[in-house]
Amino acid sequence: MSKLKLKEIKEKLIEERDTILSKLSANDLSVDDSETPDPVDLAVRNYSKNVMLAVSENESKQLTLINEALERIEDDEYGLCQNCESEINPKRLNAVPWARYCLDCQQLLEQGLLDE
């Protein structure tokens, strides 16, 4: 992969990482039960909190994948499948720059036939 393309991907990853970090730091997951007079209101607030926690968990996982991709760029291992070590299709990397596996290995992973 060319140095110019790697620089472009690195910038994209850093931008995505910064966006996720901003979202995570802006999430206020506290629920003040003392001001909730109605059990229905409390249930709605708790539901909203659970949704935000799930979103935060997904964003945290994506953040980990992005950081790993940035490490692979620094280690000159970016763009290689972490299972079979073949080159990951550039179109896949453009769509999902934190991809760790080629399409074939990703399918194996999703089918439970490959350990992470």
Protein backbone atom coordinates (compact mmCIF):
# COMPACT_ATOMS: atom_id res chain seq x y z
CA MET A 1 0.00 0.00 0.00
CA SER A 2 1.35 3.43 -0.92
CA LYS A 3 2.54 5.87 1.72
CA LEU A 4 0.03 8.46 0.48
CA LYS A 5 -2.87 6.04 0.84
CA LEU A 6 -1.67 4.98 4.31
CA LYS A 7 -1.49 8.62 5.37
CA GLU A 8 -5.04 9.15 4.10
CA ILE A 9 -6.31 6.09 5.99
CA LYS A 10 -4.46 7.11 9.15
CA GLU A 11 -6.08 10.56 9.03
CA LYS A 12 -9.50 8.93 8.53
CA LEU A 13 -8.92 6.63 11.51
CA ILE A 14 -7.78 9.49 13.73
CA GLU A 15 -10.81 11.57 12.73
CA GLU A 16 -13.14 8.67 13.52
CA ARG A 17 -11.37 8.08 16.85
CA ASP A 18 -11.75 11.75 17.79
CA THR A 19 -15.45 11.67 16.90
CA ILE A 20 -16.04 8.61 19.08
CA LEU A 21 -14.06 10.10 21.97
CA SER A 22 -16.16 13.27 21.77
CA LYS A 23 -19.37 11.24 21.85
CA LEU A 24 -18.21 9.14 24.77
CA SER A 25 -17.15 12.15 26.81
CA ALA A 26 -20.45 13.93 26.10
CA ASN A 27 -22.63 11.04 27.32
CA ASP A 28 -24.12 11.71 30.74
CA LEU A 29 -25.36 8.37 32.02
CA SER A 30 -26.43 9.55 35.45
CA VAL A 31 -30.06 9.23 36.50
CA ASP A 32 -31.27 11.34 39.40
CA ASP A 33 -34.02 9.24 40.96
CA SER A 34 -34.82 11.89 43.57
CA GLU A 35 -36.44 14.15 40.95
CA THR A 36 -38.51 11.42 39.33
CA PRO A 37 -41.99 11.48 40.82
CA ASP A 38 -43.51 9.00 38.42
CA PRO A 39 -42.49 5.32 38.00
CA VAL A 40 -43.16 5.58 34.25
CA ASP A 41 -40.74 8.50 33.98
CA LEU A 42 -38.17 6.51 35.91
CA ALA A 43 -38.64 3.52 33.59
CA VAL A 44 -38.19 5.74 30.53
CA ARG A 45 -35.03 7.26 31.99
CA ASN A 46 -33.64 3.83 32.87
CA TYR A 47 -34.44 2.54 29.38
CA SER A 48 -32.68 5.56 27.85
CA LYS A 49 -29.70 4.96 30.10
CA ASN A 50 -29.50 1.31 28.99
CA VAL A 51 -29.64 2.33 25.33
CA MET A 52 -26.86 4.87 25.88
CA LEU A 53 -24.78 2.24 27.69
CA ALA A 54 -25.18 -0.17 24.77
CA VAL A 55 -24.20 2.54 22.29
CA SER A 56 -21.22 3.48 24.46
CA GLU A 57 -20.12 -0.16 24.60
CA ASN A 58 -20.27 -0.46 20.81
CA GLU A 59 -18.36 2.78 20.39
CA SER A 60 -15.75 1.58 22.88
CA LYS A 61 -15.27 -1.63 20.88
CA GLN A 62 -14.93 0.39 17.68
CA LEU A 63 -12.43 2.66 19.41
CA THR A 64 -10.33 -0.39 20.30
CA LEU A 65 -10.43 -1.59 16.67
CA ILE A 66 -9.38 1.87 15.45
CA ASN A 67 -6.46 2.02 17.89
CA GLU A 68 -5.36 -1.46 16.81
CA ALA A 69 -5.50 -0.36 13.16
CA LEU A 70 -3.36 2.68 13.95
CA GLU A 71 -0.84 0.38 15.67
CA ARG A 72 -0.77 -1.88 12.58
CA ILE A 73 0.00 1.17 10.43
CA GLU A 74 2.92 2.07 12.69
CA ASP A 75 4.16 -1.55 12.66
CA ASP A 76 3.89 -1.83 8.83
CA GLU A 77 1.31 -4.60 9.23
CA TYR A 78 -1.73 -2.65 8.06
CA GLY A 79 -3.73 -4.16 5.23
CA LEU A 80 -2.81 -7.76 5.99
CA CYS A 81 -5.38 -10.25 7.27
CA GLN A 82 -4.62 -11.19 10.88
CA ASN A 83 -5.62 -14.78 10.16
CA CYS A 84 -4.32 -15.83 6.75
CA GLU A 85 -1.90 -12.89 6.28
CA SER A 86 -3.15 -12.23 2.74
CA GLU A 87 -3.73 -8.66 1.60
CA ILE A 88 -7.12 -7.19 2.52
CA ASN A 89 -8.97 -5.77 -0.47
CA PRO A 90 -8.33 -1.99 -0.66
CA LYS A 91 -12.06 -1.38 -1.23
CA ARG A 92 -12.79 -3.13 2.06
CA LEU A 93 -10.17 -1.04 3.85
CA ASN A 94 -11.63 2.11 2.35
CA ALA A 95 -15.09 1.19 3.65
CA VAL A 96 -13.91 -0.24 6.99
CA PRO A 97 -10.41 1.11 7.64
CA TRP A 98 -10.16 -0.79 10.95
CA ALA A 99 -10.82 -4.17 9.27
CA ARG A 100 -8.61 -6.93 10.67
CA TYR A 101 -9.58 -9.73 8.33
CA CYS A 102 -10.04 -10.32 4.62
CA LEU A 103 -13.62 -11.05 3.53
CA ASP A 104 -13.15 -14.83 3.59
CA CYS A 105 -11.74 -14.85 7.12
CA GLN A 106 -14.36 -12.33 8.28
CA GLN A 107 -17.06 -14.74 7.09
CA LEU A 108 -15.38 -17.56 8.99
CA LEU A 109 -15.31 -15.37 12.10
CA GLU A 110 -18.99 -14.51 11.77
CA GLN A 111 -19.85 -18.19 11.35
CA GLY A 112 -17.94 -18.99 14.53
CA LEU A 113 -15.32 -21.00 12.67
CA LEU A 114 -12.46 -18.65 13.51
CA ASP A 115 -11.23 -17.56 16.93
CA GLU A 116 -10.58 -13.86 17.43
